[in-house]
Protein backbone atom coordinates (compact mmCIF):
# COMPACT_ATOMS: atom_id res chain seq x y z
CA MET A 1 -34.10 -1.10 3.28
CA GLU A 2 -34.36 -2.36 -0.26
CA LYS A 3 -31.32 -3.27 -2.11
CA ILE A 4 -30.88 -2.07 -5.54
CA ARG A 5 -28.58 -3.71 -8.33
CA ILE A 6 -25.50 -1.32 -9.02
CA ASP A 7 -23.04 -1.24 -11.93
CA ASN A 8 -20.44 -3.89 -11.32
CA ASN A 9 -17.50 -1.35 -12.17
CA THR A 10 -18.63 0.75 -9.23
CA ALA A 11 -18.45 -1.85 -6.69
CA PHE A 12 -15.25 -1.44 -4.51
CA LEU A 13 -14.06 -2.29 -1.19
CA SER A 14 -14.18 0.94 0.58
CA PRO A 15 -12.01 2.29 2.02
CA MET A 16 -8.98 1.10 0.47
CA PRO A 17 -5.35 2.17 1.90
CA MET A 18 -3.30 4.23 -0.10
CA VAL A 19 0.53 3.09 -0.35
CA LEU A 20 3.57 3.77 -2.33
CA VAL A 21 4.97 0.84 -4.10
CA GLY A 22 8.53 1.09 -4.82
CA ALA A 23 10.81 -0.46 -7.40
CA VAL A 24 14.07 0.16 -8.89
CA VAL A 25 13.76 0.77 -12.38
CA ASP A 26 17.05 1.44 -14.84
CA GLY A 27 18.81 1.89 -11.73
CA LYS A 28 16.65 4.56 -10.27
CA ALA A 29 13.98 4.22 -7.35
CA ASN A 30 10.41 4.73 -8.79
CA PHE A 31 7.09 4.84 -7.00
CA LEU A 32 3.46 4.37 -7.72
CA ALA A 33 0.59 5.48 -5.67
CA ILE A 34 -1.99 2.59 -5.32
CA ALA A 35 -5.07 1.67 -3.18
CA TRP A 36 -5.29 -1.93 -4.26
CA ALA A 37 -3.15 -3.60 -1.64
CA ALA A 38 -3.88 -6.11 1.02
CA ARG A 39 -2.18 -8.68 3.33
CA VAL A 40 -2.91 -12.10 1.99
CA ASN A 41 -1.04 -14.49 3.93
CA MET A 42 -0.18 -14.93 7.69
CA ARG A 43 2.94 -17.21 7.78
CA PRO A 44 5.03 -16.14 6.18
CA PRO A 45 3.50 -12.55 5.81
CA MET A 46 2.74 -11.79 2.29
CA PHE A 47 0.89 -8.67 0.69
CA ALA A 48 -0.64 -8.38 -2.90
CA VAL A 49 -0.65 -5.34 -4.76
CA ALA A 50 -2.77 -4.96 -8.12
CA LEU A 51 -1.03 -2.90 -10.62
CA GLY A 52 -2.03 -1.82 -14.10
CA PRO A 53 0.67 -1.57 -16.79
CA HIS A 54 2.84 0.77 -14.94
CA HIS A 55 6.67 1.80 -15.37
CA THR A 56 7.27 0.28 -11.88
CA ASN A 57 6.13 -3.06 -13.07
CA ARG A 58 9.38 -3.27 -15.10
CA GLY A 59 11.31 -3.09 -11.84
CA ILE A 60 9.57 -5.70 -10.06
CA ASP A 61 9.36 -8.03 -13.04
CA GLU A 62 13.15 -7.53 -13.35
CA HIS A 63 14.60 -7.93 -9.96
CA ARG A 64 11.70 -9.69 -8.25
CA GLU A 65 11.77 -7.04 -5.35
CA PHE A 66 9.47 -4.11 -4.37
CA SER A 67 8.48 -2.28 -1.37
CA ILE A 68 5.30 -1.05 0.14
CA ASN A 69 5.50 2.26 2.00
CA ILE A 70 2.52 3.71 4.02
CA PRO A 71 2.16 7.66 3.72
CA ASP A 72 0.61 9.71 6.32
CA THR A 73 -1.70 12.39 5.58
CA SER A 74 1.23 14.99 5.50
CA LEU A 75 2.38 13.09 2.50
CA LEU A 76 -0.99 13.14 0.60
CA GLU A 77 0.07 15.56 -2.26
CA LYS A 78 3.39 13.86 -2.85
CA THR A 79 1.48 10.41 -2.84
CA ASP A 80 -0.89 11.70 -5.59
CA TYR A 81 1.67 13.01 -7.40
CA CYS A 82 3.27 9.58 -7.54
CA GLY A 83 -0.22 8.28 -9.25
CA LEU A 84 -0.41 11.25 -11.51
CA VAL A 85 3.17 10.99 -13.48
CA SER A 86 4.87 8.16 -15.06
CA GLY A 87 8.17 7.05 -13.89
CA SER A 88 8.87 6.66 -17.67
CA ARG A 89 8.86 10.45 -18.17
CA THR A 90 9.53 11.65 -14.74
CA ASP A 91 12.35 10.93 -12.17
CA LYS A 92 10.47 10.44 -8.91
CA SER A 93 13.89 9.06 -7.16
CA GLU A 94 14.47 12.20 -5.36
CA LEU A 95 11.27 12.99 -4.28
CA PHE A 96 11.66 11.28 -0.83
CA GLU A 97 14.55 10.69 1.32
CA LEU A 98 15.37 6.79 0.75
CA PHE A 99 16.88 4.05 2.55
CA TYR A 100 17.43 0.40 1.79
CA GLY A 101 17.51 -2.78 4.08
CA SER A 102 18.81 -6.12 2.80
CA VAL A 103 16.58 -6.33 -0.10
CA ALA A 104 18.59 -4.46 -2.67
CA HIS A 105 15.94 -3.45 -5.17
CA ALA A 106 13.06 -2.22 -2.93
CA PRO A 107 13.45 1.44 -2.20
CA LEU A 108 12.17 2.47 1.23
CA ILE A 109 10.69 6.00 2.23
CA THR A 110 12.06 7.57 5.42
CA GLU A 111 9.11 9.80 5.70
CA CYS A 112 6.62 7.11 5.50
CA PRO A 113 5.64 5.91 9.03
CA VAL A 114 5.85 2.18 7.78
CA SER A 115 7.83 0.83 4.96
CA ILE A 116 8.13 -3.04 4.14
CA SER A 117 10.37 -4.61 1.74
CA LEU A 118 9.26 -7.75 -0.21
CA THR A 119 10.55 -10.34 -2.48
CA LEU A 120 8.18 -11.55 -5.29
CA TYR A 121 6.45 -14.72 -4.40
CA ASP A 122 4.03 -14.77 -7.60
CA ALA A 123 2.73 -12.74 -10.29
CA LEU A 124 -0.68 -13.32 -11.65
CA LYS A 125 -1.62 -11.84 -15.00
CA LEU A 126 -5.06 -10.71 -14.85
CA PRO A 127 -7.11 -9.05 -17.76
CA SER A 128 -6.07 -5.56 -17.07
CA ASN A 129 -3.84 -5.70 -13.89
CA THR A 130 -1.02 -7.88 -12.67
CA LEU A 131 -1.41 -9.07 -8.93
CA TYR A 132 2.08 -9.11 -7.41
CA ILE A 133 2.31 -11.11 -4.39
CA GLY A 134 5.34 -10.37 -2.13
CA GLU A 135 6.81 -12.09 0.86
CA VAL A 136 7.80 -9.70 3.67
CA GLN A 137 11.43 -9.49 4.08
CA GLU A 138 11.83 -6.46 6.57
CA ALA A 139 9.45 -4.02 7.96
CA TYR A 140 10.39 -0.52 9.31
CA SER A 141 8.84 2.08 11.46
CA ALA A 142 9.88 4.63 14.05
CA GLU A 143 9.14 5.02 17.96
CA PRO A 144 6.66 7.84 17.29
CA PHE A 145 4.38 5.47 15.14
CA LEU A 146 4.49 2.69 17.67
CA THR A 147 2.69 1.54 20.60
CA ASP A 148 4.22 -1.36 22.81
CA GLY A 149 6.46 -1.91 20.03
CA LYS A 150 3.60 -2.42 17.19
CA PRO A 151 2.31 0.29 14.61
CA ASP A 152 -0.27 2.28 15.82
CA ILE A 153 -2.91 3.53 13.20
CA GLY A 154 -3.77 6.59 15.33
CA LYS A 155 -0.14 7.59 15.40
CA ILE A 156 0.40 6.54 11.80
CA ARG A 157 -2.59 8.46 10.35
CA PRO A 158 -2.82 6.85 7.10
CA PHE A 159 -5.29 7.79 4.43
CA THR A 160 -7.46 5.87 2.32
CA LEU A 161 -9.19 6.02 -1.30
CA SER A 162 -12.69 5.62 -1.93
CA MET A 163 -13.86 4.58 -5.47
CA PRO A 164 -15.71 5.40 -7.71
CA ASP A 165 -15.85 8.97 -6.16
CA ASN A 166 -12.15 9.35 -6.07
CA HIS A 167 -11.71 10.91 -2.66
CA TYR A 168 -9.07 10.45 -0.10
CA TRP A 169 -10.16 10.01 3.60
CA SER A 170 -8.28 10.11 6.94
CA VAL A 171 -8.83 7.26 9.24
CA GLY A 172 -11.42 7.97 11.88
CA GLU A 173 -11.84 6.98 15.29
CA LYS A 174 -11.87 3.45 16.96
CA VAL A 175 -15.22 1.89 16.99
CA GLY A 176 -14.64 -1.44 18.57
CA ARG A 177 -12.11 -4.24 19.37
CA ALA A 178 -11.62 -7.00 16.87
CA TRP A 179 -12.33 -10.45 18.03
CA ARG A 180 -13.96 -9.14 21.10
CA ALA A 181 -17.08 -6.92 19.97
CA GLY A 182 -18.91 -10.04 18.88
CA LYS A 183 -18.63 -11.89 22.15
CA ALA A 184 -21.56 -9.46 23.58
CA PRO A 185 -24.81 -10.96 23.65
CA GLN A 186 -26.39 -10.76 20.14
CA THR A 187 -30.05 -9.88 19.94
CA THR A 188 -32.35 -10.48 16.61
């Protein structure tokens, strides 16, 4: 198959996990829906989120704390809403049932299968976004989303975003075992 060059702005890693980034802004919990999130360090565990200029950034910059909440497909509409409206004009603090762990300014969403509180490790200003790197302080889930005490993607039912076509996708079937599938004899 011959490769053709495509526009640089249409190149995305696909799919991208949808998450809700939370922060306390002006004394209220605020959430932003994003798909530009990734684990970036093993020990200590760290995640990075790339945020354009959003209301949520004010809370992260001020308190140096934030959360990452992984919604399931039942929360697709609420998640999308959090990406459509700005917290500077719309109070999103009562959209979800919230709880807090020991990180005071990292609002966590009860309805999300996985919620993670982080403290800011570093923030890198990029030309159009800020890359916030947070160190995990606490992670929460519930028994129905776990197998052997670990988050189970089949039970969590997360969804992803594809760009540049801007569609949400549910996670499909398991297709192999990481760090094992490649041990099979390779043929050329």
